[in-house]
Amino acid sequence: MISWMAWTWPTAAFFLFVFASIAFMGFLEYRAPGGAPRDGVLGLHTTRGDRLFITLLGSAFIMLGWLGLMSTPLWGGLAISLAWGAFIFWKA
């Protein structure tokens, strides 16, 4: 099914997670519009969508750094990325 792009199942699962996250944020915005910006520890005024973008971008850099410094397996990078996401949504 996904062999035409030489994707692996973990790669496909990652992109499905990203699309599901964006769809969930769209649902939240539809359900409770506004999402007033709040001041965070990063010194930015962020909304829910901004925090999702910062989380995804930061997680990409964390995973690339982990891959460059530690190689595989990527479980450590995943744990750091999840902690980064929790921090951004909680404090930023």
PDB file of N, CA and C in Angstrom:
ATOM      1  N   MET A   1       0.801  -1.187   0.000  1.00  0.00           N
ATOM      2  CA  MET A   1       0.000   0.000   0.000  1.00  0.00           C
ATOM      3  C   MET A   1       0.855   1.266   0.000  1.00  0.00           C
ATOM      4  N   ILE A   2       1.933   1.283   0.796  1.00  0.00           N
ATOM      5  CA  ILE A   2       2.768   2.479   0.839  1.00  0.00           C
ATOM      6  C   ILE A   2       4.125   2.253   0.192  1.00  0.00           C
ATOM      7  N   SER A   3       4.307   1.155  -0.496  1.00  0.00           N
ATOM      8  CA  SER A   3       5.611   0.823  -1.062  1.00  0.00           C
ATOM      9  C   SER A   3       5.986   1.690  -2.264  1.00  0.00           C
ATOM     10  N   TRP A   4       5.025   2.384  -2.856  1.00  0.00           N
ATOM     11  CA  TRP A   4       5.339   3.183  -4.031  1.00  0.00           C
ATOM     12  C   TRP A   4       6.272   4.341  -3.696  1.00  0.00           C
ATOM     13  N   MET A   5       6.353   4.760  -2.431  1.00  0.00           N
ATOM     14  CA  MET A   5       7.282   5.811  -2.032  1.00  0.00           C
ATOM     15  C   MET A   5       8.411   5.261  -1.170  1.00  0.00           C
ATOM     16  N   ALA A   6       8.490   3.963  -1.033  1.00  0.00           N
ATOM     17  CA  ALA A   6       9.500   3.311  -0.200  1.00  0.00           C
ATOM     18  C   ALA A   6       9.417   3.785   1.251  1.00  0.00           C
ATOM     19  N   TRP A   7       8.211   4.043   1.737  1.00  0.00           N
ATOM     20  CA  TRP A   7       8.004   4.446   3.118  1.00  0.00           C
ATOM     21  C   TRP A   7       7.977   3.210   4.002  1.00  0.00           C
ATOM     22  N   THR A   8       8.305   3.423   5.234  1.00  0.00           N
ATOM     23  CA  THR A   8       8.158   2.363   6.221  1.00  0.00           C
ATOM     24  C   THR A   8       6.899   2.662   7.029  1.00  0.00           C
ATOM     25  N   TRP A   9       6.437   1.671   7.760  1.00  0.00           N
ATOM     26  CA  TRP A   9       5.249   1.883   8.589  1.00  0.00           C
ATOM     27  C   TRP A   9       5.477   2.941   9.668  1.00  0.00           C
ATOM     28  N   PRO A  10       6.652   2.988  10.319  1.00  0.00           N
ATOM     29  CA  PRO A  10       6.850   4.070  11.299  1.00  0.00           C
ATOM     30  C   PRO A  10       6.794   5.468  10.663  1.00  0.00           C
ATOM     31  N   THR A  11       7.294   5.615   9.444  1.00  0.00           N
ATOM     32  CA  THR A  11       7.223   6.905   8.761  1.00  0.00           C
ATOM     33  C   THR A  11       5.775   7.273   8.468  1.00  0.00           C
ATOM     34  N   ALA A  12       5.022   6.324   7.981  1.00  0.00           N
ATOM     35  CA  ALA A  12       3.609   6.570   7.701  1.00  0.00           C
ATOM     36  C   ALA A  12       2.853   6.894   8.997  1.00  0.00           C
ATOM     37  N   ALA A  13       3.180   6.189  10.079  1.00  0.00           N
ATOM     38  CA  ALA A  13       2.525   6.454  11.363  1.00  0.00           C
ATOM     39  C   ALA A  13       2.852   7.855  11.861  1.00  0.00           C
ATOM     40  N   PHE A  14       4.094   8.297  11.646  1.00  0.00           N
ATOM     41  CA  PHE A  14       4.481   9.648  12.051  1.00  0.00           C
ATOM     42  C   PHE A  14       3.652  10.694  11.311  1.00  0.00           C
ATOM     43  N   PHE A  15       3.533  10.558  10.003  1.00  0.00           N
ATOM     44  CA  PHE A  15       2.768  11.542   9.247  1.00  0.00           C
ATOM     45  C   PHE A  15       1.276  11.470   9.569  1.00  0.00           C
ATOM     46  N   LEU A  16       0.762  10.290   9.842  1.00  0.00           N
ATOM     47  CA  LEU A  16      -0.624  10.186  10.286  1.00  0.00           C
ATOM     48  C   LEU A  16      -0.824  10.893  11.628  1.00  0.00           C
ATOM     49  N   PHE A  17       0.164  10.777  12.516  1.00  0.00           N
ATOM     50  CA  PHE A  17       0.085  11.473  13.794  1.00  0.00           C
ATOM     51  C   PHE A  17       0.083  12.985  13.592  1.00  0.00           C
ATOM     52  N   VAL A  18       0.927  13.485  12.702  1.00  0.00           N
ATOM     53  CA  VAL A  18       0.979  14.924  12.438  1.00  0.00           C
ATOM     54  C   VAL A  18      -0.358  15.396  11.873  1.00  0.00           C
ATOM     55  N   PHE A  19      -0.896  14.686  10.894  1.00  0.00           N
ATOM     56  CA  PHE A  19      -2.184  15.073  10.319  1.00  0.00           C
ATOM     57  C   PHE A  19      -3.306  14.979  11.344  1.00  0.00           C
ATOM     58  N   ALA A  20      -3.272  13.952  12.193  1.00  0.00           N
ATOM     59  CA  ALA A  20      -4.289  13.818  13.234  1.00  0.00           C
ATOM     60  C   ALA A  20      -4.183  14.954  14.254  1.00  0.00           C
ATOM     61  N   SER A  21      -2.962  15.374  14.582  1.00  0.00           N
ATOM     62  CA  SER A  21      -2.770  16.494  15.508  1.00  0.00           C
ATOM     63  C   SER A  21      -3.348  17.779  14.941  1.00  0.00           C
ATOM     64  N   ILE A  22      -3.104  18.025  13.659  1.00  0.00           N
ATOM     65  CA  ILE A  22      -3.631  19.228  13.014  1.00  0.00           C
ATOM     66  C   ILE A  22      -5.153  19.161  12.954  1.00  0.00           C
ATOM     67  N   ALA A  23      -5.704  17.992  12.638  1.00  0.00           N
ATOM     68  CA  ALA A  23      -7.159  17.843  12.597  1.00  0.00           C
ATOM     69  C   ALA A  23      -7.767  18.041  13.982  1.00  0.00           C
ATOM     70  N   PHE A  24      -7.111  17.519  15.012  1.00  0.00           N
ATOM     71  CA  PHE A  24      -7.602  17.692  16.376  1.00  0.00           C
ATOM     72  C   PHE A  24      -7.568  19.155  16.789  1.00  0.00           C
ATOM     73  N   MET A  25      -6.520  19.868  16.411  1.00  0.00           N
ATOM     74  CA  MET A  25      -6.454  21.300  16.724  1.00  0.00           C
ATOM     75  C   MET A  25      -7.548  22.059  15.976  1.00  0.00           C
ATOM     76  N   GLY A  26      -7.840  21.662  14.744  1.00  0.00           N
ATOM     77  CA  GLY A  26      -8.947  22.275  14.011  1.00  0.00           C
ATOM     78  C   GLY A  26     -10.272  22.019  14.696  1.00  0.00           C
ATOM     79  N   PHE A  27     -10.463  20.799  15.201  1.00  0.00           N
ATOM     80  CA  PHE A  27     -11.681  20.467  15.940  1.00  0.00           C
ATOM     81  C   PHE A  27     -11.799  21.314  17.198  1.00  0.00           C
ATOM     82  N   LEU A  28     -10.696  21.458  17.938  1.00  0.00           N
ATOM     83  CA  LEU A  28     -10.725  22.285  19.138  1.00  0.00           C
ATOM     84  C   LEU A  28     -11.047  23.737  18.808  1.00  0.00           C
ATOM     85  N   GLU A  29     -10.504  24.235  17.715  1.00  0.00           N
ATOM     86  CA  GLU A  29     -10.769  25.616  17.323  1.00  0.00           C
ATOM     87  C   GLU A  29     -12.234  25.786  16.911  1.00  0.00           C
ATOM     88  N   TYR A  30     -12.790  24.772  16.253  1.00  0.00           N
ATOM     89  CA  TYR A  30     -14.201  24.819  15.868  1.00  0.00           C
ATOM     90  C   TYR A  30     -15.091  24.764  17.117  1.00  0.00           C
ATOM     91  N   ARG A  31     -14.717  23.915  18.069  1.00  0.00           N
ATOM     92  CA  ARG A  31     -15.518  23.719  19.281  1.00  0.00           C
ATOM     93  C   ARG A  31     -15.431  24.903  20.228  1.00  0.00           C
ATOM     94  N   ALA A  32     -14.243  25.433  20.405  1.00  0.00           N
ATOM     95  CA  ALA A  32     -14.041  26.569  21.312  1.00  0.00           C
ATOM     96  C   ALA A  32     -13.161  27.595  20.594  1.00  0.00           C
ATOM     97  N   PRO A  33     -13.761  28.422  19.729  1.00  0.00           N
ATOM     98  CA  PRO A  33     -12.946  29.357  18.948  1.00  0.00           C
ATOM     99  C   PRO A  33     -12.248  30.392  19.821  1.00  0.00           C
ATOM    100  N   GLY A  34     -11.242  30.940  19.256  1.00  0.00           N
ATOM    101  CA  GLY A  34     -10.511  31.995  19.951  1.00  0.00           C
ATOM    102  C   GLY A  34      -9.143  31.540  20.365  1.00  0.00           C
ATOM    103  N   GLY A  35      -9.088  30.761  21.393  1.00  0.00           N
ATOM    104  CA  GLY A  35      -7.785  30.327  21.884  1.00  0.00           C
ATOM    105  C   GLY A  35      -6.907  31.521  22.177  1.00  0.00           C
ATOM    106  N   ALA A  36      -7.344  32.365  23.096  1.00  0.00           N
ATOM    107  CA  ALA A  36      -6.658  33.620  23.388  1.00  0.00           C
ATOM    108  C   ALA A  36      -5.168  33.385  23.604  1.00  0.00           C
ATOM    109  N   PRO A  37      -4.338  34.222  22.994  1.00  0.00           N
ATOM    110  CA  PRO A  37      -2.890  34.078  23.194  1.00  0.00           C
ATOM    111  C   PRO A  37      -2.520  34.234  24.666  1.00  0.00           C
ATOM    112  N   ARG A  38      -1.512  33.517  25.061  1.00  0.00           N
ATOM    113  CA  ARG A  38      -1.024  33.670  26.423  1.00  0.00           C
ATOM    114  C   ARG A  38       0.485  33.850  26.400  1.00  0.00           C
ATOM    115  N   ASP A  39       0.977  34.527  27.419  1.00  0.00           N
ATOM    116  CA  ASP A  39       2.413  34.756  27.544  1.00  0.00           C
ATOM    117  C   ASP A  39       3.042  33.529  28.181  1.00  0.00           C
ATOM    118  N   GLY A  40       4.151  33.112  27.602  1.00  0.00           N
ATOM    119  CA  GLY A  40       4.792  31.930  28.122  1.00  0.00           C
ATOM    120  C   GLY A  40       6.232  32.171  28.493  1.00  0.00           C
ATOM    121  N   VAL A  41       6.868  31.099  28.867  1.00  0.00           N
ATOM    122  CA  VAL A  41       8.244  31.153  29.307  1.00  0.00           C
ATOM    123  C   VAL A  41       9.193  31.481  28.152  1.00  0.00           C
ATOM    124  N   LEU A  42       8.770  31.271  26.929  1.00  0.00           N
ATOM    125  CA  LEU A  42       9.609  31.585  25.776  1.00  0.00           C
ATOM    126  C   LEU A  42       9.581  33.069  25.420  1.00  0.00           C
ATOM    127  N   GLY A  43       8.738  33.837  26.066  1.00  0.00           N
ATOM    128  CA  GLY A  43       8.636  35.259  25.779  1.00  0.00           C
ATOM    129  C   GLY A  43       7.812  35.567  24.549  1.00  0.00           C
ATOM    130  N   LEU A  44       6.988  34.633  24.133  1.00  0.00           N
ATOM    131  CA  LEU A  44       6.136  34.803  22.957  1.00  0.00           C
ATOM    132  C   LEU A  44       4.676  34.784  23.374  1.00  0.00           C
ATOM    133  N   HIS A  45       3.844  35.461  22.597  1.00  0.00           N
ATOM    134  CA  HIS A  45       2.400  35.341  22.747  1.00  0.00           C
ATOM    135  C   HIS A  45       1.983  34.208  21.815  1.00  0.00           C
ATOM    136  N   THR A  46       1.519  33.086  22.376  1.00  0.00           N
ATOM    137  CA  THR A  46       1.220  31.920  21.557  1.00  0.00           C
ATOM    138  C   THR A  46      -0.225  31.482  21.711  1.00  0.00           C
ATOM    139  N   THR A  47      -0.781  30.974  20.610  1.00  0.00           N
ATOM    140  CA  THR A  47      -2.088  30.332  20.627  1.00  0.00           C
ATOM    141  C   THR A  47      -1.870  28.821  20.567  1.00  0.00           C
ATOM    142  N   ARG A  48      -2.966  28.062  20.555  1.00  0.00           N
ATOM    143  CA  ARG A  48      -2.832  26.599  20.483  1.00  0.00           C
ATOM    144  C   ARG A  48      -2.088  26.167  19.230  1.00  0.00           C
ATOM    145  N   GLY A  49      -2.423  26.773  18.094  1.00  0.00           N
ATOM    146  CA  GLY A  49      -1.761  26.416  16.846  1.00  0.00           C
ATOM    147  C   GLY A  49      -0.286  26.756  16.854  1.00  0.00           C
ATOM    148  N   ASP A  50       0.062  27.895  17.446  1.00  0.00           N
ATOM    149  CA  ASP A  50       1.477  28.264  17.567  1.00  0.00           C
ATOM    150  C   ASP A  50       2.228  27.239  18.406  1.00  0.00           C
ATOM    151  N   ARG A  51       1.613  26.825  19.506  1.00  0.00           N
ATOM    152  CA  ARG A  51       2.272  25.845  20.378  1.00  0.00           C
ATOM    153  C   ARG A  51       2.434  24.504  19.676  1.00  0.00           C
ATOM    154  N   LEU A  52       1.449  24.108  18.862  1.00  0.00           N
ATOM    155  CA  LEU A  52       1.592  22.868  18.093  1.00  0.00           C
ATOM    156  C   LEU A  52       2.744  22.995  17.104  1.00  0.00           C
ATOM    157  N   PHE A  53       2.836  24.122  16.404  1.00  0.00           N
ATOM    158  CA  PHE A  53       3.907  24.319  15.438  1.00  0.00           C
ATOM    159  C   PHE A  53       5.271  24.302  16.122  1.00  0.00           C
ATOM    160  N   ILE A  54       5.399  24.996  17.255  1.00  0.00           N
ATOM    161  CA  ILE A  54       6.671  25.018  17.978  1.00  0.00           C
ATOM    162  C   ILE A  54       7.034  23.617  18.455  1.00  0.00           C
ATOM    163  N   THR A  55       6.037  22.863  18.910  1.00  0.00           N
ATOM    164  CA  THR A  55       6.283  21.494  19.360  1.00  0.00           C
ATOM    165  C   THR A  55       6.762  20.609  18.215  1.00  0.00           C
ATOM    166  N   LEU A  56       6.081  20.680  17.061  1.00  0.00           N
ATOM    167  CA  LEU A  56       6.473  19.841  15.927  1.00  0.00           C
ATOM    168  C   LEU A  56       7.848  20.225  15.400  1.00  0.00           C
ATOM    169  N   LEU A  57       8.118  21.517  15.292  1.00  0.00           N
ATOM    170  CA  LEU A  57       9.412  21.973  14.800  1.00  0.00           C
ATOM    171  C   LEU A  57      10.529  21.588  15.760  1.00  0.00           C
ATOM    172  N   GLY A  58      10.301  21.822  17.048  1.00  0.00           N
ATOM    173  CA  GLY A  58      11.302  21.450  18.038  1.00  0.00           C
ATOM    174  C   GLY A  58      11.537  19.950  18.084  1.00  0.00           C
ATOM    175  N   SER A  59      10.473  19.171  17.950  1.00  0.00           N
ATOM    176  CA  SER A  59      10.611  17.716  17.955  1.00  0.00           C
ATOM    177  C   SER A  59      11.414  17.230  16.752  1.00  0.00           C
ATOM    178  N   ALA A  60      11.231  17.878  15.614  1.00  0.00           N
ATOM    179  CA  ALA A  60      12.013  17.498  14.427  1.00  0.00           C
ATOM    180  C   ALA A  60      13.496  17.734  14.684  1.00  0.00           C
ATOM    181  N   PHE A  61      13.835  18.867  15.269  1.00  0.00           N
ATOM    182  CA  PHE A  61      15.242  19.145  15.559  1.00  0.00           C
ATOM    183  C   PHE A  61      15.791  18.221  16.635  1.00  0.00           C
ATOM    184  N   ILE A  62      14.983  17.906  17.633  1.00  0.00           N
ATOM    185  CA  ILE A  62      15.423  16.970  18.675  1.00  0.00           C
ATOM    186  C   ILE A  62      15.712  15.607  18.068  1.00  0.00           C
ATOM    187  N   MET A  63      14.820  15.129  17.216  1.00  0.00           N
ATOM    188  CA  MET A  63      15.023  13.808  16.605  1.00  0.00           C
ATOM    189  C   MET A  63      16.241  13.802  15.674  1.00  0.00           C
ATOM    190  N   LEU A  64      16.436  14.879  14.904  1.00  0.00           N
ATOM    191  CA  LEU A  64      17.622  14.957  14.047  1.00  0.00           C
ATOM    192  C   LEU A  64      18.893  15.005  14.885  1.00  0.00           C
ATOM    193  N   GLY A  65      18.870  15.763  15.961  1.00  0.00           N
ATOM    194  CA  GLY A  65      20.032  15.810  16.849  1.00  0.00           C
ATOM    195  C   GLY A  65      20.317  14.464  17.479  1.00  0.00           C
ATOM    196  N   TRP A  66      19.266  13.785  17.921  1.00  0.00           N
ATOM    197  CA  TRP A  66      19.440  12.451  18.510  1.00  0.00           C
ATOM    198  C   TRP A  66      20.023  11.493  17.474  1.00  0.00           C
ATOM    199  N   LEU A  67      19.494  11.540  16.281  1.00  0.00           N
ATOM    200  CA  LEU A  67      19.967  10.647  15.221  1.00  0.00           C
ATOM    201  C   LEU A  67      21.426  10.937  14.887  1.00  0.00           C
ATOM    202  N   GLY A  68      21.804  12.223  14.861  1.00  0.00           N
ATOM    203  CA  GLY A  68      23.182  12.574  14.549  1.00  0.00           C
ATOM    204  C   GLY A  68      24.161  12.239  15.658  1.00  0.00           C
ATOM    205  N   LEU A  69      23.727  12.368  16.901  1.00  0.00           N
ATOM    206  CA  LEU A  69      24.644  12.151  18.024  1.00  0.00           C
ATOM    207  C   LEU A  69      24.623  10.725  18.562  1.00  0.00           C
ATOM    208  N   MET A  70      23.444  10.115  18.600  1.00  0.00           N
ATOM    209  CA  MET A  70      23.313   8.810  19.248  1.00  0.00           C
ATOM    210  C   MET A  70      23.003   7.672  18.285  1.00  0.00           C
ATOM    211  N   SER A  71      22.568   7.992  17.091  1.00  0.00           N
ATOM    212  CA  SER A  71      22.136   7.007  16.102  1.00  0.00           C
ATOM    213  C   SER A  71      20.845   6.333  16.581  1.00  0.00           C
ATOM    214  N   THR A  72      20.607   5.115  16.159  1.00  0.00           N
ATOM    215  CA  THR A  72      19.378   4.433  16.522  1.00  0.00           C
ATOM    216  C   THR A  72      19.619   3.603  17.772  1.00  0.00           C
ATOM    217  N   PRO A  73      18.629   3.229  18.532  1.00  0.00           N
ATOM    218  CA  PRO A  73      17.202   3.459  18.404  1.00  0.00           C
ATOM    219  C   PRO A  73      16.829   4.882  18.836  1.00  0.00           C
ATOM    220  N   LEU A  74      15.678   5.315  18.390  1.00  0.00           N
ATOM    221  CA  LEU A  74      15.235   6.687  18.602  1.00  0.00           C
ATOM    222  C   LEU A  74      14.323   6.871  19.807  1.00  0.00           C
ATOM    223  N   TRP A  75      14.224   5.879  20.676  1.00  0.00           N
ATOM    224  CA  TRP A  75      13.314   5.974  21.818  1.00  0.00           C
ATOM    225  C   TRP A  75      13.688   7.121  22.752  1.00  0.00           C
ATOM    226  N   GLY A  76      14.966   7.376  22.933  1.00  0.00           N
ATOM    227  CA  GLY A  76      15.391   8.483  23.781  1.00  0.00           C
ATOM    228  C   GLY A  76      14.972   9.823  23.203  1.00  0.00           C
ATOM    229  N   GLY A  77      15.149   9.981  21.891  1.00  0.00           N
ATOM    230  CA  GLY A  77      14.711  11.202  21.225  1.00  0.00           C
ATOM    231  C   GLY A  77      13.209  11.380  21.301  1.00  0.00           C
ATOM    232  N   LEU A  78      12.484  10.282  21.198  1.00  0.00           N
ATOM    233  CA  LEU A  78      11.024  10.347  21.324  1.00  0.00           C
ATOM    234  C   LEU A  78      10.617  10.799  22.724  1.00  0.00           C
ATOM    235  N   ALA A  79      11.288  10.276  23.737  1.00  0.00           N
ATOM    236  CA  ALA A  79      10.971  10.676  25.116  1.00  0.00           C
ATOM    237  C   ALA A  79      11.254  12.165  25.329  1.00  0.00           C
ATOM    238  N   ILE A  80      12.372  12.647  24.807  1.00  0.00           N
ATOM    239  CA  ILE A  80      12.701  14.069  24.930  1.00  0.00           C
ATOM    240  C   ILE A  80      11.684  14.910  24.162  1.00  0.00           C
ATOM    241  N   SER A  81      11.272  14.448  22.984  1.00  0.00           N
ATOM    242  CA  SER A  81      10.286  15.184  22.186  1.00  0.00           C
ATOM    243  C   SER A  81       8.940  15.258  22.888  1.00  0.00           C
ATOM    244  N   LEU A  82       8.513  14.172  23.520  1.00  0.00           N
ATOM    245  CA  LEU A  82       7.260  14.191  24.264  1.00  0.00           C
ATOM    246  C   LEU A  82       7.338  15.138  25.461  1.00  0.00           C
ATOM    247  N   ALA A  83       8.493  15.139  26.134  1.00  0.00           N
ATOM    248  CA  ALA A  83       8.674  16.072  27.248  1.00  0.00           C
ATOM    249  C   ALA A  83       8.671  17.518  26.737  1.00  0.00           C
ATOM    250  N   TRP A  84       9.296  17.763  25.592  1.00  0.00           N
ATOM    251  CA  TRP A  84       9.299  19.088  24.970  1.00  0.00           C
ATOM    252  C   TRP A  84       7.866  19.530  24.652  1.00  0.00           C
ATOM    253  N   GLY A  85       7.078  18.646  24.066  1.00  0.00           N
ATOM    254  CA  GLY A  85       5.692  18.973  23.742  1.00  0.00           C
ATOM    255  C   GLY A  85       4.870  19.284  24.981  1.00  0.00           C
ATOM    256  N   ALA A  86       5.046  18.487  26.031  1.00  0.00           N
ATOM    257  CA  ALA A  86       4.325  18.740  27.278  1.00  0.00           C
ATOM    258  C   ALA A  86       4.733  20.084  27.869  1.00  0.00           C
ATOM    259  N   PHE A  87       6.020  20.394  27.823  1.00  0.00           N
ATOM    260  CA  PHE A  87       6.507  21.674  28.336  1.00  0.00           C
ATOM    261  C   PHE A  87       5.916  22.844  27.549  1.00  0.00           C
ATOM    262  N   ILE A  88       5.917  22.742  26.234  1.00  0.00           N
ATOM    263  CA  ILE A  88       5.417  23.845  25.397  1.00  0.00           C
ATOM    264  C   ILE A  88       3.922  24.073  25.638  1.00  0.00           C
ATOM    265  N   PHE A  89       3.134  23.027  25.680  1.00  0.00           N
ATOM    266  CA  PHE A  89       1.698  23.206  25.886  1.00  0.00           C
ATOM    267  C   PHE A  89       1.357  23.617  27.317  1.00  0.00           C
ATOM    268  N   TRP A  90       2.237  23.298  28.259  1.00  0.00           N
ATOM    269  CA  TRP A  90       1.971  23.637  29.642  1.00  0.00           C
ATOM    270  C   TRP A  90       2.451  25.044  29.992  1.00  0.00           C
ATOM    271  N   LYS A  91       3.651  25.406  29.556  1.00  0.00           N
ATOM    272  CA  LYS A  91       4.271  26.653  29.991  1.00  0.00           C
ATOM    273  C   LYS A  91       4.333  27.747  28.928  1.00  0.00           C
ATOM    274  N   ALA A  92       4.338  27.409  27.660  1.00  0.00           N
ATOM    275  CA  ALA A  92       4.559  28.438  26.632  1.00  0.00           C
ATOM    276  C   ALA A  92       3.278  29.117  26.218  1.00  0.00           C
TER     277      ALA A  92
END
